[in-house]
Amino acid sequence: MNAQVFEDPVKTDMRAACEIAIDQAGLQLSPSLVKIPMTQESGLRGSLIGDLQSLDADDNRIFYFLRAVPIDALPKWIANFARASHALDAGEVYIVVRDYTPAFKQSCADAGAGILRLTDDNAFETVLAYSEATPVDIEQALAARQSELRRGMELKLELMRGEIEQRYQRVSHLVAEMNTEIADEYVNRVEQEYKTLDAWATEMSAKLDAIRADTTPAALAVIEDAVRTGPLLNGGD
């Protein structure tokens, strides 16, 4: 008995709908999936295959990757194959979706992948043409993201320093007539906020410097969230 790989029923239904859409587009569904080996220059292993393939009247091939569940970023392995496909010149790569977010569309554009939206009538709506999706150099895109996050961190740092400085001025005025012990407690609390903020800035700077070690969407999202929320200060209690 031949072993069969399990597939999510949602994706199986989408696969069947895509086969209808391919036919409606006047394309021929490829009876077998052709494997296009990655070149040594690409630095990738494996082959470009996709979930489905089709051919037009001139035997131009299209590779379809089905994403049945909405996501905000194209999986890295698919992005790598999409980016490499432009050098292979073996055919066009399209991501098939039911719905998509602006972030997902941008991630596909950066990877050089086209997007087809599968309509309720089982037809393809071109969201992003493969020919218009120019892959962005990975190092260039990462450097831009790193700079963006660093600017956000520096802005957060500047704003929070200003807030602490204002509290320090208010506390200094309020404790002017208090006894020394109580006054010191208030002042020390504000000074601790400065230390907490400096420690946060040092930690975030180190994480931003090490961002190239883990460029997955989840890892970047953690850093982005940390920059957005900033450190927990006593004054924010």
Protein backbone atom coordinates (compact mmCIF):
# COMPACT_ATOMS: atom_id res chain seq x y z
CA MET A 1 0.00 0.00 0.00
CA ASN A 2 1.35 3.42 -0.95
CA ALA A 3 1.83 5.86 1.91
CA GLN A 4 0.09 9.20 1.42
CA VAL A 5 1.15 12.48 2.97
CA PHE A 6 -1.57 14.05 5.08
CA GLU A 7 -2.89 17.39 3.83
CA ASP A 8 -5.16 19.79 5.66
CA PRO A 9 -8.69 19.41 4.21
CA VAL A 10 -8.87 23.21 3.79
CA LYS A 11 -5.81 23.11 1.55
CA THR A 12 -7.18 20.07 -0.31
CA ASP A 13 -10.36 22.01 -1.08
CA MET A 14 -8.27 24.97 -2.20
CA ARG A 15 -6.21 22.71 -4.44
CA ALA A 16 -9.38 21.49 -6.19
CA ALA A 17 -10.60 25.07 -6.61
CA CYS A 18 -7.24 26.10 -8.07
CA GLU A 19 -7.42 23.32 -10.64
CA ILE A 20 -10.74 24.79 -11.80
CA ALA A 21 -9.26 28.30 -11.83
CA ILE A 22 -6.31 27.12 -13.93
CA ASP A 23 -8.71 25.64 -16.46
CA GLN A 24 -10.83 28.82 -16.51
CA ALA A 25 -7.67 30.86 -17.16
CA GLY A 26 -7.07 28.86 -20.33
CA LEU A 27 -4.04 27.08 -18.92
CA GLN A 28 -3.24 23.39 -18.84
CA LEU A 29 -2.78 21.74 -15.47
CA SER A 30 0.55 19.93 -15.43
CA PRO A 31 -0.14 16.22 -14.84
CA SER A 32 3.14 15.87 -12.95
CA LEU A 33 5.17 18.32 -10.91
CA VAL A 34 8.49 19.14 -12.57
CA LYS A 35 11.38 19.64 -10.15
CA ILE A 36 13.73 22.52 -10.96
CA PRO A 37 17.00 22.03 -9.01
CA MET A 38 18.48 25.05 -7.27
CA THR A 39 21.78 26.32 -8.65
CA GLN A 40 24.93 26.34 -6.56
CA GLU A 41 24.99 30.14 -6.82
CA SER A 42 21.61 30.38 -5.07
CA GLY A 43 23.00 28.76 -1.92
CA LEU A 44 19.77 26.75 -1.61
CA ARG A 45 19.14 23.03 -1.48
CA GLY A 46 16.22 21.20 -3.00
CA SER A 47 14.12 22.02 -6.03
CA LEU A 48 11.45 24.51 -7.06
CA ILE A 49 8.21 22.50 -7.27
CA GLY A 50 5.15 24.22 -5.80
CA ASP A 51 1.80 22.66 -4.91
CA LEU A 52 0.52 22.84 -8.48
CA GLN A 53 1.96 23.67 -11.88
CA SER A 54 0.43 24.77 -15.17
CA LEU A 55 1.52 25.40 -18.74
CA ASP A 56 0.30 27.95 -21.27
CA ALA A 57 0.07 27.46 -25.03
CA ASP A 58 3.79 28.23 -25.36
CA ASP A 59 4.76 25.76 -22.62
CA ASN A 60 5.61 28.56 -20.17
CA ARG A 61 5.34 27.09 -16.68
CA ILE A 62 3.73 28.58 -13.57
CA PHE A 63 4.44 27.27 -10.07
CA TYR A 64 1.62 27.72 -7.54
CA PHE A 65 2.12 27.74 -3.77
CA LEU A 66 -1.19 27.51 -1.91
CA ARG A 67 -1.69 29.41 1.34
CA ALA A 68 -5.11 28.40 2.66
CA VAL A 69 -4.79 30.36 5.92
CA PRO A 70 -4.12 34.15 5.93
CA ILE A 71 -0.65 35.10 7.20
CA ASP A 72 1.30 38.36 7.40
CA ALA A 73 4.58 37.16 5.92
CA LEU A 74 5.59 34.72 3.22
CA PRO A 75 7.39 31.72 4.80
CA LYS A 76 11.13 32.12 4.44
CA TRP A 77 11.64 28.89 2.47
CA ILE A 78 9.04 29.90 -0.13
CA ALA A 79 10.49 33.41 -0.30
CA ASN A 80 13.93 31.92 -0.98
CA PHE A 81 12.62 29.79 -3.85
CA ALA A 82 10.62 32.71 -5.29
CA ARG A 83 13.69 34.94 -5.18
CA ALA A 84 15.84 32.26 -6.83
CA SER A 85 13.26 31.63 -9.55
CA HIS A 86 14.10 34.93 -11.25
CA ALA A 87 17.62 33.70 -11.93
CA LEU A 88 16.50 30.20 -12.90
CA ASP A 89 14.18 31.46 -15.64
CA ALA A 90 12.20 28.22 -15.32
CA GLY A 91 8.79 29.80 -14.91
CA GLU A 92 6.74 32.19 -12.81
CA VAL A 93 6.02 31.71 -9.11
CA TYR A 94 2.64 32.67 -7.68
CA ILE A 95 1.24 32.48 -4.17
CA VAL A 96 -2.46 31.59 -4.20
CA VAL A 97 -4.59 33.00 -1.37
CA ARG A 98 -8.20 33.55 -0.43
CA ASP A 99 -7.39 36.73 1.49
CA TYR A 100 -4.25 38.71 2.15
CA THR A 101 -2.95 41.60 4.25
CA PRO A 102 -0.87 44.58 3.06
CA ALA A 103 2.08 43.13 5.00
CA PHE A 104 1.76 39.80 3.18
CA LYS A 105 1.59 41.52 -0.19
CA GLN A 106 4.75 43.46 0.63
CA SER A 107 6.59 40.33 1.73
CA CYS A 108 5.69 38.63 -1.56
CA ALA A 109 6.80 41.67 -3.55
CA ASP A 110 10.13 41.72 -1.69
CA ALA A 111 10.63 38.02 -2.44
CA GLY A 112 9.72 38.42 -6.09
CA ALA A 113 6.58 36.25 -5.90
CA GLY A 114 3.32 37.07 -7.62
CA ILE A 115 -0.04 36.80 -5.85
CA LEU A 116 -3.28 35.30 -7.16
CA ARG A 117 -6.48 35.63 -5.14
CA LEU A 118 -8.86 32.73 -5.54
CA THR A 119 -12.38 34.12 -5.86
CA ASP A 120 -15.64 32.53 -4.71
CA ASP A 121 -16.26 31.61 -8.36
CA ASN A 122 -13.04 29.59 -8.47
CA ALA A 123 -11.24 32.07 -10.69
CA PHE A 124 -7.90 33.83 -10.33
CA GLU A 125 -7.67 37.54 -9.59
CA THR A 126 -4.17 38.89 -10.09
CA VAL A 127 -3.17 40.90 -7.01
CA LEU A 128 0.51 41.13 -7.91
CA ALA A 129 1.98 40.06 -11.24
CA TYR A 130 5.16 38.00 -11.10
CA SER A 131 6.74 40.29 -13.69
CA GLU A 132 6.13 43.28 -11.40
CA ALA A 133 7.50 41.62 -8.26
CA THR A 134 11.17 42.54 -8.14
CA PRO A 135 13.02 40.60 -5.43
CA VAL A 136 14.80 42.76 -2.89
CA ASP A 137 18.30 41.73 -1.88
CA ILE A 138 18.04 39.95 1.47
CA GLU A 139 20.93 41.86 3.03
CA GLN A 140 19.54 45.16 1.78
CA ALA A 141 16.05 44.42 3.10
CA LEU A 142 17.42 43.29 6.47
CA ALA A 143 19.61 46.37 6.80
CA ALA A 144 16.61 48.59 6.08
CA ARG A 145 14.50 46.77 8.67
CA GLN A 146 17.31 46.98 11.19
CA SER A 147 17.63 50.75 10.64
CA GLU A 148 13.86 51.20 10.94
CA LEU A 149 13.74 49.38 14.26
CA ARG A 150 16.76 51.29 15.57
CA ARG A 151 15.15 54.63 14.71
CA GLY A 152 12.02 53.51 16.54
CA MET A 153 14.09 52.52 19.58
CA GLU A 154 15.93 55.84 19.61
CA LEU A 155 12.66 57.78 19.33
CA LYS A 156 11.15 55.77 22.20
CA LEU A 157 14.31 56.42 24.24
CA GLU A 158 14.14 60.17 23.60
CA LEU A 159 10.45 60.40 24.51
CA MET A 160 10.84 58.39 27.71
CA ARG A 161 13.90 60.37 28.79
CA GLY A 162 11.81 63.51 28.40
CA GLU A 163 9.01 62.04 30.51
CA ILE A 164 11.45 61.01 33.25
CA GLU A 165 13.07 64.44 33.23
CA GLN A 166 9.67 66.07 33.71
CA ARG A 167 8.89 63.74 36.63
CA TYR A 168 12.31 64.45 38.12
CA GLN A 169 11.64 68.18 38.05
CA ARG A 170 8.21 67.73 39.66
CA VAL A 171 9.58 65.38 42.33
CA SER A 172 12.45 67.76 43.14
CA HIS A 173 9.92 70.54 43.70
CA LEU A 174 7.57 68.39 45.78
CA VAL A 175 10.20 66.97 48.12
CA ALA A 176 11.92 70.29 48.75
CA GLU A 177 10.16 70.67 52.11
CA MET A 178 10.02 66.96 53.07
CA ASN A 179 12.37 65.28 55.51
CA THR A 180 15.57 63.94 54.01
CA GLU A 181 14.65 60.23 54.18
CA ILE A 182 11.33 60.62 52.33
CA ALA A 183 12.86 63.03 49.83
CA ASP A 184 15.67 60.60 49.04
CA GLU A 185 13.16 57.80 48.47
CA TYR A 186 11.28 59.83 45.86
CA VAL A 187 14.44 61.03 44.13
CA ASN A 188 15.96 57.54 44.11
CA ARG A 189 12.85 56.17 42.47
CA VAL A 190 13.14 58.61 39.58
CA GLU A 191 16.88 57.98 39.28
CA GLN A 192 16.17 54.23 39.11
CA GLU A 193 13.97 54.93 36.11
CA TYR A 194 16.97 56.46 34.35
CA LYS A 195 18.97 53.30 35.07
CA THR A 196 16.13 51.05 33.88
CA LEU A 197 15.83 53.05 30.66
CA ASP A 198 19.59 52.92 30.04
CA ALA A 199 19.62 49.15 30.64
CA TRP A 200 16.72 48.71 28.21
CA ALA A 201 18.50 50.81 25.57
CA THR A 202 21.66 48.73 25.95
CA GLU A 203 19.70 45.46 25.70
CA MET A 204 17.74 46.60 22.64
CA SER A 205 20.88 47.85 20.93
CA ALA A 206 22.49 44.42 21.41
CA LYS A 207 19.40 42.68 20.02
CA LEU A 208 19.38 44.96 16.99
CA ASP A 209 23.08 44.28 16.40
CA ALA A 210 22.38 40.53 16.52
CA ILE A 211 19.30 40.66 14.30
CA ARG A 212 21.10 38.98 11.41
CA ALA A 213 21.39 35.78 13.45
CA ASP A 214 17.61 35.25 13.38
CA THR A 215 15.62 36.94 10.63
CA THR A 216 12.41 34.96 10.98
CA PRO A 217 9.16 37.01 11.09
CA ALA A 218 8.52 35.80 14.65
CA ALA A 219 11.96 36.98 15.86
CA LEU A 220 11.56 40.37 14.19
CA ALA A 221 8.05 40.71 15.64
CA VAL A 222 9.43 40.18 19.17
CA ILE A 223 11.94 43.00 18.71
CA GLU A 224 9.34 45.24 17.13
CA ASP A 225 6.96 44.67 20.05
CA ALA A 226 9.74 45.39 22.56
CA VAL A 227 10.57 48.66 20.80
CA ARG A 228 6.90 49.65 20.68
CA THR A 229 6.15 48.98 24.36
CA GLY A 230 9.47 50.15 25.81
CA PRO A 231 10.70 49.32 29.33
CA LEU A 232 8.41 49.11 32.37
CA LEU A 233 9.13 52.12 34.57
CA ASN A 234 7.89 52.91 38.06
CA GLY A 235 6.36 56.10 36.77
CA GLY A 236 4.16 54.04 34.44
CA ASP A 237 2.62 52.00 37.31
